[in-house]
C-alpha cells in the first residue's frame, strides 16, 4: 500500500526537524543516520526514501534552519522585540540548560 504524498512530506519534515535539532546540539559530526532516524521514530532504511545522502540532509536542514531563523528575525522586528531578547531566546532554544 502506498502512502499519500502528504504522508511522505510529513515524514520528511520530521526527519529534517530531528536533523536540525541534532545540528544545533552536536554540530555536523552529531548527525548519524541510524540515531537520527530512531529519534524521528523511523527505521534507518527509510532514510533513503527521503534523501539520497547524509550530505543532502545536512544541506537541507541548514537551509531550513536559516529560513526559520530569518522568519523569526522578521517577526521580532515587526513586533519591535529587541535583538538582545531574540538572541537570548535563540541561545535558550539551542541549549535549554542556559
PDB file of N, CA and C in Angstrom:
ATOM      1  N   UNK A   1       0.847  -1.179   0.000  1.00  0.00           N
ATOM      2  CA  UNK A   1       0.000   0.000   0.000  1.00  0.00           C
ATOM      3  C   UNK A   1       0.894   1.244   0.000  1.00  0.00           C
ATOM      4  N   UNK A   2       0.654   2.127  -0.909  1.00  0.00           N
ATOM      5  CA  UNK A   2       1.423   3.366  -0.995  1.00  0.00           C
ATOM      6  C   UNK A   2       0.825   4.408  -0.067  1.00  0.00           C
ATOM      7  N   UNK A   3       1.705   5.200   0.509  1.00  0.00           N
ATOM      8  CA  UNK A   3       1.263   6.300   1.355  1.00  0.00           C
ATOM      9  C   UNK A   3       0.941   7.498   0.478  1.00  0.00           C
ATOM     10  N   UNK A   4       0.008   8.338   0.909  1.00  0.00           N
ATOM     11  CA  UNK A   4      -0.263   9.564   0.145  1.00  0.00           C
ATOM     12  C   UNK A   4       0.938  10.513   0.216  1.00  0.00           C
ATOM     13  N   UNK A   5       1.045  11.412  -0.743  1.00  0.00           N
ATOM     14  CA  UNK A   5       2.147  12.358  -0.801  1.00  0.00           C
ATOM     15  C   UNK A   5       2.233  13.186   0.478  1.00  0.00           C
ATOM     16  N   UNK A   6       1.107  13.506   1.081  1.00  0.00           N
ATOM     17  CA  UNK A   6       1.116  14.303   2.310  1.00  0.00           C
ATOM     18  C   UNK A   6       1.835  13.565   3.440  1.00  0.00           C
ATOM     19  N   UNK A   7       1.712  12.239   3.474  1.00  0.00           N
ATOM     20  CA  UNK A   7       2.402  11.444   4.491  1.00  0.00           C
ATOM     21  C   UNK A   7       3.908  11.529   4.278  1.00  0.00           C
ATOM     22  N   UNK A   8       4.341  11.377   3.035  1.00  0.00           N
ATOM     23  CA  UNK A   8       5.772  11.439   2.739  1.00  0.00           C
ATOM     24  C   UNK A   8       6.335  12.810   3.104  1.00  0.00           C
ATOM     25  N   UNK A   9       5.594  13.863   2.821  1.00  0.00           N
ATOM     26  CA  UNK A   9       6.043  15.216   3.162  1.00  0.00           C
ATOM     27  C   UNK A   9       6.143  15.394   4.672  1.00  0.00           C
ATOM     28  N   UNK A  10       5.187  14.842   5.407  1.00  0.00           N
ATOM     29  CA  UNK A  10       5.201  14.954   6.870  1.00  0.00           C
ATOM     30  C   UNK A  10       6.382  14.187   7.463  1.00  0.00           C
ATOM     31  N   UNK A  11       6.674  13.012   6.927  1.00  0.00           N
ATOM     32  CA  UNK A  11       7.805  12.224   7.417  1.00  0.00           C
ATOM     33  C   UNK A  11       9.106  12.946   7.104  1.00  0.00           C
ATOM     34  N   UNK A  12       9.225  13.487   5.911  1.00  0.00           N
ATOM     35  CA  UNK A  12      10.431  14.231   5.525  1.00  0.00           C
ATOM     36  C   UNK A  12      10.637  15.423   6.461  1.00  0.00           C
ATOM     37  N   UNK A  13       9.560  16.116   6.787  1.00  0.00           N
ATOM     38  CA  UNK A  13       9.639  17.257   7.706  1.00  0.00           C
ATOM     39  C   UNK A  13      10.089  16.802   9.086  1.00  0.00           C
ATOM     40  N   UNK A  14       9.615  15.644   9.538  1.00  0.00           N
ATOM     41  CA  UNK A  14      10.021  15.101  10.831  1.00  0.00           C
ATOM     42  C   UNK A  14      11.515  14.793  10.850  1.00  0.00           C
ATOM     43  N   UNK A  15      12.012  14.230   9.760  1.00  0.00           N
ATOM     44  CA  UNK A  15      13.440  13.924   9.663  1.00  0.00           C
ATOM     45  C   UNK A  15      14.245  15.221   9.683  1.00  0.00           C
ATOM     46  N   UNK A  16      13.802  16.211   8.912  1.00  0.00           N
ATOM     47  CA  UNK A  16      14.506  17.497   8.875  1.00  0.00           C
ATOM     48  C   UNK A  16      14.508  18.169  10.245  1.00  0.00           C
ATOM     49  N   UNK A  17      13.401  18.109  10.939  1.00  0.00           N
ATOM     50  CA  UNK A  17      13.317  18.717  12.271  1.00  0.00           C
ATOM     51  C   UNK A  17      14.301  18.043  13.233  1.00  0.00           C
ATOM     52  N   UNK A  18      14.340  16.721  13.189  1.00  0.00           N
ATOM     53  CA  UNK A  18      15.271  15.990  14.055  1.00  0.00           C
ATOM     54  C   UNK A  18      16.714  16.319  13.677  1.00  0.00           C
ATOM     55  N   UNK A  19      16.994  16.421  12.387  1.00  0.00           N
ATOM     56  CA  UNK A  19      18.352  16.742  11.935  1.00  0.00           C
ATOM     57  C   UNK A  19      18.756  18.150  12.354  1.00  0.00           C
ATOM     58  N   UNK A  20      17.847  19.096  12.223  1.00  0.00           N
ATOM     59  CA  UNK A  20      18.151  20.472  12.620  1.00  0.00           C
ATOM     60  C   UNK A  20      18.448  20.546  14.115  1.00  0.00           C
ATOM     61  N   UNK A  21      17.699  19.799  14.905  1.00  0.00           N
ATOM     62  CA  UNK A  21      17.938  19.795  16.351  1.00  0.00           C
ATOM     63  C   UNK A  21      19.297  19.174  16.675  1.00  0.00           C
ATOM     64  N   UNK A  22      19.634  18.081  16.000  1.00  0.00           N
ATOM     65  CA  UNK A  22      20.933  17.447  16.228  1.00  0.00           C
ATOM     66  C   UNK A  22      22.070  18.361  15.780  1.00  0.00           C
ATOM     67  N   UNK A  23      21.877  19.087  14.702  1.00  0.00           N
ATOM     68  CA  UNK A  23      22.885  20.059  14.254  1.00  0.00           C
ATOM     69  C   UNK A  23      23.118  21.122  15.320  1.00  0.00           C
ATOM     70  N   UNK A  24      22.027  21.641  15.865  1.00  0.00           N
ATOM     71  CA  UNK A  24      22.153  22.679  16.891  1.00  0.00           C
ATOM     72  C   UNK A  24      22.859  22.142  18.135  1.00  0.00           C
ATOM     73  N   UNK A  25      22.566  20.927  18.499  1.00  0.00           N
ATOM     74  CA  UNK A  25      23.128  20.358  19.725  1.00  0.00           C
ATOM     75  C   UNK A  25      24.562  19.857  19.573  1.00  0.00           C
ATOM     76  N   UNK A  26      24.841  19.211  18.424  1.00  0.00           N
ATOM     77  CA  UNK A  26      26.110  18.494  18.310  1.00  0.00           C
ATOM     78  C   UNK A  26      26.961  18.881  17.106  1.00  0.00           C
ATOM     79  N   UNK A  27      26.492  19.796  16.277  1.00  0.00           N
ATOM     80  CA  UNK A  27      27.258  20.158  15.094  1.00  0.00           C
ATOM     81  C   UNK A  27      27.168  19.087  14.012  1.00  0.00           C
ATOM     82  N   UNK A  28      27.953  19.269  12.966  1.00  0.00           N
ATOM     83  CA  UNK A  28      27.901  18.352  11.825  1.00  0.00           C
ATOM     84  C   UNK A  28      28.226  16.915  12.198  1.00  0.00           C
ATOM     85  N   UNK A  29      29.142  16.717  13.110  1.00  0.00           N
ATOM     86  CA  UNK A  29      29.526  15.354  13.478  1.00  0.00           C
ATOM     87  C   UNK A  29      28.448  14.654  14.304  1.00  0.00           C
ATOM     88  N   UNK A  30      27.460  15.398  14.778  1.00  0.00           N
ATOM     89  CA  UNK A  30      26.420  14.825  15.623  1.00  0.00           C
ATOM     90  C   UNK A  30      25.277  14.180  14.874  1.00  0.00           C
ATOM     91  N   UNK A  31      25.343  14.198  13.545  1.00  0.00           N
ATOM     92  CA  UNK A  31      24.236  13.622  12.779  1.00  0.00           C
ATOM     93  C   UNK A  31      24.656  12.292  12.181  1.00  0.00           C
ATOM     94  N   UNK A  32      24.249  11.213  12.843  1.00  0.00           N
ATOM     95  CA  UNK A  32      24.413   9.866  12.307  1.00  0.00           C
ATOM     96  C   UNK A  32      23.047   9.377  11.882  1.00  0.00           C
ATOM     97  N   UNK A  33      22.959   8.773  10.729  1.00  0.00           N
ATOM     98  CA  UNK A  33      21.659   8.373  10.180  1.00  0.00           C
ATOM     99  C   UNK A  33      20.896   7.412  11.094  1.00  0.00           C
ATOM    100  N   UNK A  34      21.492   6.334  11.594  1.00  0.00           N
ATOM    101  CA  UNK A  34      20.715   5.415  12.437  1.00  0.00           C
ATOM    102  C   UNK A  34      20.109   6.094  13.673  1.00  0.00           C
ATOM    103  N   UNK A  35      20.908   6.867  14.400  1.00  0.00           N
ATOM    104  CA  UNK A  35      20.404   7.533  15.606  1.00  0.00           C
ATOM    105  C   UNK A  35      19.367   8.592  15.258  1.00  0.00           C
ATOM    106  N   UNK A  36      19.614   9.313  14.187  1.00  0.00           N
ATOM    107  CA  UNK A  36      18.677  10.346  13.747  1.00  0.00           C
ATOM    108  C   UNK A  36      17.315   9.735  13.417  1.00  0.00           C
ATOM    109  N   UNK A  37      17.327   8.643  12.697  1.00  0.00           N
ATOM    110  CA  UNK A  37      16.067   8.010  12.308  1.00  0.00           C
ATOM    111  C   UNK A  37      15.346   7.421  13.523  1.00  0.00           C
ATOM    112  N   UNK A  38      16.095   6.884  14.468  1.00  0.00           N
ATOM    113  CA  UNK A  38      15.449   6.411  15.710  1.00  0.00           C
ATOM    114  C   UNK A  38      14.772   7.576  16.410  1.00  0.00           C
ATOM    115  N   UNK A  39      15.472   8.708  16.456  1.00  0.00           N
ATOM    116  CA  UNK A  39      14.926   9.907  17.099  1.00  0.00           C
ATOM    117  C   UNK A  39      13.636  10.348  16.413  1.00  0.00           C
ATOM    118  N   UNK A  40      13.590  10.197  15.094  1.00  0.00           N
ATOM    119  CA  UNK A  40      12.398  10.576  14.328  1.00  0.00           C
ATOM    120  C   UNK A  40      11.324   9.486  14.365  1.00  0.00           C
ATOM    121  N   UNK A  41      11.629   8.351  14.999  1.00  0.00           N
ATOM    122  CA  UNK A  41      10.663   7.260  15.094  1.00  0.00           C
ATOM    123  C   UNK A  41      10.551   6.442  13.822  1.00  0.00           C
ATOM    124  N   UNK A  42      11.644   6.383  13.062  1.00  0.00           N
ATOM    125  CA  UNK A  42      11.642   5.684  11.782  1.00  0.00           C
ATOM    126  C   UNK A  42      12.809   4.713  11.715  1.00  0.00           C
ATOM    127  N   UNK A  43      12.793   3.868  10.695  1.00  0.00           N
ATOM    128  CA  UNK A  43      13.896   2.925  10.522  1.00  0.00           C
ATOM    129  C   UNK A  43      15.017   3.578   9.724  1.00  0.00           C
ATOM    130  N   UNK A  44      16.208   3.043   9.911  1.00  0.00           N
ATOM    131  CA  UNK A  44      17.388   3.521   9.185  1.00  0.00           C
ATOM    132  C   UNK A  44      17.147   3.422   7.674  1.00  0.00           C
ATOM    133  N   UNK A  45      16.583   2.329   7.230  1.00  0.00           N
ATOM    134  CA  UNK A  45      16.344   2.123   5.799  1.00  0.00           C
ATOM    135  C   UNK A  45      15.387   3.129   5.183  1.00  0.00           C
ATOM    136  N   UNK A  46      14.481   3.659   5.984  1.00  0.00           N
ATOM    137  CA  UNK A  46      13.506   4.627   5.459  1.00  0.00           C
ATOM    138  C   UNK A  46      14.159   5.947   5.061  1.00  0.00           C
ATOM    139  N   UNK A  47      15.336   6.206   5.590  1.00  0.00           N
ATOM    140  CA  UNK A  47      16.022   7.464   5.298  1.00  0.00           C
ATOM    141  C   UNK A  47      16.157   7.692   3.796  1.00  0.00           C
ATOM    142  N   UNK A  48      16.578   6.652   3.087  1.00  0.00           N
ATOM    143  CA  UNK A  48      16.900   6.804   1.670  1.00  0.00           C
ATOM    144  C   UNK A  48      15.675   6.964   0.772  1.00  0.00           C
ATOM    145  N   UNK A  49      14.500   6.802   1.322  1.00  0.00           N
ATOM    146  CA  UNK A  49      13.275   7.116   0.563  1.00  0.00           C
ATOM    147  C   UNK A  49      13.037   8.622   0.551  1.00  0.00           C
ATOM    148  N   UNK A  50      13.758   9.340   1.423  1.00  0.00           N
ATOM    149  CA  UNK A  50      13.548  10.778   1.560  1.00  0.00           C
ATOM    150  C   UNK A  50      14.750  11.621   1.158  1.00  0.00           C
ATOM    151  N   UNK A  51      15.959  11.077   1.300  1.00  0.00           N
ATOM    152  CA  UNK A  51      17.187  11.816   1.000  1.00  0.00           C
ATOM    153  C   UNK A  51      18.184  10.873   0.322  1.00  0.00           C
ATOM    154  N   UNK A  52      18.906  11.365  -0.680  1.00  0.00           N
ATOM    155  CA  UNK A  52      19.886  10.497  -1.351  1.00  0.00           C
ATOM    156  C   UNK A  52      21.152  10.248  -0.526  1.00  0.00           C
ATOM    157  N   UNK A  53      21.442  11.146   0.426  1.00  0.00           N
ATOM    158  CA  UNK A  53      22.674  11.003   1.209  1.00  0.00           C
ATOM    159  C   UNK A  53      22.586  11.823   2.483  1.00  0.00           C
ATOM    160  N   UNK A  54      23.497  11.552   3.404  1.00  0.00           N
ATOM    161  CA  UNK A  54      23.603  12.331   4.634  1.00  0.00           C
ATOM    162  C   UNK A  54      23.905  13.783   4.296  1.00  0.00           C
ATOM    163  N   UNK A  55      24.775  13.996   3.317  1.00  0.00           N
ATOM    164  CA  UNK A  55      25.161  15.353   2.929  1.00  0.00           C
ATOM    165  C   UNK A  55      23.963  16.157   2.428  1.00  0.00           C
ATOM    166  N   UNK A  56      23.080  15.515   1.671  1.00  0.00           N
ATOM    167  CA  UNK A  56      21.901  16.240   1.185  1.00  0.00           C
ATOM    168  C   UNK A  56      20.968  16.595   2.339  1.00  0.00           C
ATOM    169  N   UNK A  57      20.852  15.706   3.320  1.00  0.00           N
ATOM    170  CA  UNK A  57      20.039  16.000   4.510  1.00  0.00           C
ATOM    171  C   UNK A  57      20.628  17.179   5.274  1.00  0.00           C
ATOM    172  N   UNK A  58      21.931  17.160   5.505  1.00  0.00           N
ATOM    173  CA  UNK A  58      22.578  18.239   6.255  1.00  0.00           C
ATOM    174  C   UNK A  58      22.373  19.569   5.531  1.00  0.00           C
ATOM    175  N   UNK A  59      22.574  19.583   4.220  1.00  0.00           N
ATOM    176  CA  UNK A  59      22.402  20.820   3.457  1.00  0.00           C
ATOM    177  C   UNK A  59      20.971  21.335   3.572  1.00  0.00           C
ATOM    178  N   UNK A  60      20.000  20.449   3.456  1.00  0.00           N
ATOM    179  CA  UNK A  60      18.606  20.879   3.546  1.00  0.00           C
ATOM    180  C   UNK A  60      18.245  21.319   4.959  1.00  0.00           C
ATOM    181  N   UNK A  61      18.763  20.644   5.965  1.00  0.00           N
ATOM    182  CA  UNK A  61      18.498  21.021   7.358  1.00  0.00           C
ATOM    183  C   UNK A  61      19.063  22.414   7.642  1.00  0.00           C
ATOM    184  N   UNK A  62      20.246  22.703   7.113  1.00  0.00           N
ATOM    185  CA  UNK A  62      20.849  24.021   7.307  1.00  0.00           C
ATOM    186  C   UNK A  62      20.013  25.089   6.605  1.00  0.00           C
ATOM    187  N   UNK A  63      19.574  24.799   5.391  1.00  0.00           N
ATOM    188  CA  UNK A  63      18.722  25.769   4.669  1.00  0.00           C
ATOM    189  C   UNK A  63      17.422  26.019   5.432  1.00  0.00           C
ATOM    190  N   UNK A  64      16.805  24.957   5.931  1.00  0.00           N
ATOM    191  CA  UNK A  64      15.536  25.098   6.671  1.00  0.00           C
ATOM    192  C   UNK A  64      15.750  25.894   7.961  1.00  0.00           C
ATOM    193  N   UNK A  65      16.844  25.617   8.658  1.00  0.00           N
ATOM    194  CA  UNK A  65      17.130  26.348   9.896  1.00  0.00           C
ATOM    195  C   UNK A  65      17.381  27.825   9.609  1.00  0.00           C
ATOM    196  N   UNK A  66      18.094  28.108   8.522  1.00  0.00           N
ATOM    197  CA  UNK A  66      18.372  29.503   8.160  1.00  0.00           C
ATOM    198  C   UNK A  66      17.083  30.231   7.797  1.00  0.00           C
ATOM    199  N   UNK A  67      16.211  29.567   7.068  1.00  0.00           N
ATOM    200  CA  UNK A  67      14.930  30.182   6.699  1.00  0.00           C
ATOM    201  C   UNK A  67      14.086  30.446   7.937  1.00  0.00           C
ATOM    202  N   UNK A  68      14.048  29.498   8.855  1.00  0.00           N
ATOM    203  CA  UNK A  68      13.283  29.678  10.092  1.00  0.00           C
ATOM    204  C   UNK A  68      13.855  30.817  10.914  1.00  0.00           C
ATOM    205  N   UNK A  69      15.180  30.900  10.951  1.00  0.00           N
ATOM    206  CA  UNK A  69      15.832  31.981  11.690  1.00  0.00           C
ATOM    207  C   UNK A  69      15.481  33.338  11.089  1.00  0.00           C
ATOM    208  N   UNK A  70      15.511  33.423   9.771  1.00  0.00           N
ATOM    209  CA  UNK A  70      15.167  34.683   9.098  1.00  0.00           C
ATOM    210  C   UNK A  70      13.709  35.055   9.367  1.00  0.00           C
ATOM    211  N   UNK A  71      12.833  34.061   9.358  1.00  0.00           N
ATOM    212  CA  UNK A  71      11.415  34.319   9.648  1.00  0.00           C
ATOM    213  C   UNK A  71      11.250  34.842  11.068  1.00  0.00           C
ATOM    214  N   UNK A  72      11.978  34.246  12.017  1.00  0.00           N
ATOM    215  CA  UNK A  72      11.902  34.697  13.409  1.00  0.00           C
ATOM    216  C   UNK A  72      12.396  36.132  13.551  1.00  0.00           C
ATOM    217  N   UNK A  73      13.497  36.443  12.874  1.00  0.00           N
ATOM    218  CA  UNK A  73      14.022  37.811  12.941  1.00  0.00           C
ATOM    219  C   UNK A  73      13.003  38.807  12.389  1.00  0.00           C
ATOM    220  N   UNK A  74      12.361  38.464  11.280  1.00  0.00           N
ATOM    221  CA  UNK A  74      11.360  39.367  10.690  1.00  0.00           C
ATOM    222  C   UNK A  74      10.191  39.583  11.644  1.00  0.00           C
ATOM    223  N   UNK A  75       9.728  38.490  12.264  1.00  0.00           N
ATOM    224  CA  UNK A  75       8.621  38.615  13.218  1.00  0.00           C
ATOM    225  C   UNK A  75       9.023  39.460  14.415  1.00  0.00           C
ATOM    226  N   UNK A  76      10.252  39.255  14.896  1.00  0.00           N
ATOM    227  CA  UNK A  76      10.732  40.023  16.043  1.00  0.00           C
ATOM    228  C   UNK A  76      10.834  41.509  15.698  1.00  0.00           C
ATOM    229  N   UNK A  77      11.330  41.811  14.511  1.00  0.00           N
ATOM    230  CA  UNK A  77      11.428  43.210  14.086  1.00  0.00           C
ATOM    231  C   UNK A  77      10.044  43.831  13.984  1.00  0.00           C
ATOM    232  N   UNK A  78       9.123  43.077  13.413  1.00  0.00           N
ATOM    233  CA  UNK A  78       7.754  43.577  13.252  1.00  0.00           C
ATOM    234  C   UNK A  78       7.106  43.837  14.616  1.00  0.00           C
ATOM    235  N   UNK A  79       7.406  42.971  15.587  1.00  0.00           N
ATOM    236  CA  UNK A  79       6.842  43.115  16.929  1.00  0.00           C
ATOM    237  C   UNK A  79       7.672  44.053  17.804  1.00  0.00           C
ATOM    238  N   UNK A  80       8.752  44.588  17.232  1.00  0.00           N
ATOM    239  CA  UNK A  80       9.642  45.515  17.942  1.00  0.00           C
ATOM    240  C   UNK A  80      10.260  44.887  19.192  1.00  0.00           C
ATOM    241  N   UNK A  81      10.704  43.636  19.022  1.00  0.00           N
ATOM    242  CA  UNK A  81      11.401  42.935  20.098  1.00  0.00           C
ATOM    243  C   UNK A  81      12.888  43.186  19.902  1.00  0.00           C
ATOM    244  N   UNK A  82      13.582  43.511  20.975  1.00  0.00           N
ATOM    245  CA  UNK A  82      14.997  43.874  20.857  1.00  0.00           C
ATOM    246  C   UNK A  82      15.838  42.690  20.376  1.00  0.00           C
ATOM    247  N   UNK A  83      16.888  42.968  19.610  1.00  0.00           N
ATOM    248  CA  UNK A  83      17.783  41.901  19.158  1.00  0.00           C
ATOM    249  C   UNK A  83      18.390  41.100  20.311  1.00  0.00           C
ATOM    250  N   UNK A  84      18.640  41.745  21.445  1.00  0.00           N
ATOM    251  CA  UNK A  84      19.201  41.031  22.599  1.00  0.00           C
ATOM    252  C   UNK A  84      18.238  39.962  23.108  1.00  0.00           C
ATOM    253  N   UNK A  85      16.952  40.277  23.126  1.00  0.00           N
ATOM    254  CA  UNK A  85      15.945  39.307  23.576  1.00  0.00           C
ATOM    255  C   UNK A  85      15.866  38.151  22.588  1.00  0.00           C
ATOM    256  N   UNK A  86      15.912  38.462  21.301  1.00  0.00           N
ATOM    257  CA  UNK A  86      15.874  37.421  20.272  1.00  0.00           C
ATOM    258  C   UNK A  86      17.093  36.517  20.405  1.00  0.00           C
ATOM    259  N   UNK A  87      18.273  37.100  20.606  1.00  0.00           N
ATOM    260  CA  UNK A  87      19.497  36.310  20.759  1.00  0.00           C
ATOM    261  C   UNK A  87      19.416  35.402  21.984  1.00  0.00           C
ATOM    262  N   UNK A  88      18.906  35.930  23.084  1.00  0.00           N
ATOM    263  CA  UNK A  88      18.778  35.125  24.301  1.00  0.00           C
ATOM    264  C   UNK A  88      17.817  33.962  24.081  1.00  0.00           C
ATOM    265  N   UNK A  89      16.731  34.216  23.392  1.00  0.00           N
ATOM    266  CA  UNK A  89      15.763  33.154  23.102  1.00  0.00           C
ATOM    267  C   UNK A  89      16.376  32.099  22.191  1.00  0.00           C
ATOM    268  N   UNK A  90      17.159  32.534  21.219  1.00  0.00           N
ATOM    269  CA  UNK A  90      17.818  31.592  20.309  1.00  0.00           C
ATOM    270  C   UNK A  90      18.814  30.727  21.073  1.00  0.00           C
ATOM    271  N   UNK A  91      19.586  31.335  21.961  1.00  0.00           N
ATOM    272  CA  UNK A  91      20.540  30.563  22.764  1.00  0.00           C
ATOM    273  C   UNK A  91      19.806  29.548  23.648  1.00  0.00           C
ATOM    274  N   UNK A  92      18.691  29.950  24.212  1.00  0.00           N
ATOM    275  CA  UNK A  92      17.915  29.039  25.053  1.00  0.00           C
ATOM    276  C   UNK A  92      17.336  27.881  24.236  1.00  0.00           C
ATOM    277  N   UNK A  93      16.957  28.150  22.993  1.00  0.00           N
ATOM    278  CA  UNK A  93      16.432  27.104  22.128  1.00  0.00           C
ATOM    279  C   UNK A  93      17.526  26.107  21.757  1.00  0.00           C
ATOM    280  N   UNK A  94      18.737  26.612  21.570  1.00  0.00           N
ATOM    281  CA  UNK A  94      19.855  25.758  21.216  1.00  0.00           C
ATOM    282  C   UNK A  94      20.301  24.924  22.411  1.00  0.00           C
ATOM    283  N   UNK A  95      20.375  25.565  23.563  1.00  0.00           N
ATOM    284  CA  UNK A  95      20.834  24.895  24.773  1.00  0.00           C
ATOM    285  C   UNK A  95      19.894  25.216  25.920  1.00  0.00           C
ATOM    286  N   UNK A  96      18.870  24.386  26.130  1.00  0.00           N
ATOM    287  CA  UNK A  96      17.883  24.665  27.184  1.00  0.00           C
ATOM    288  C   UNK A  96      18.483  24.776  28.578  1.00  0.00           C
ATOM    289  N   UNK A  97      19.706  24.291  28.789  1.00  0.00           N
ATOM    290  CA  UNK A  97      20.334  24.368  30.112  1.00  0.00           C
ATOM    291  C   UNK A  97      20.775  25.785  30.458  1.00  0.00           C
ATOM    292  N   UNK A  98      20.795  26.691  29.488  1.00  0.00           N
ATOM    293  CA  UNK A  98      21.238  28.074  29.759  1.00  0.00           C
ATOM    294  C   UNK A  98      20.244  28.820  30.583  1.00  0.00           C
TER     295      UNK A  98
END
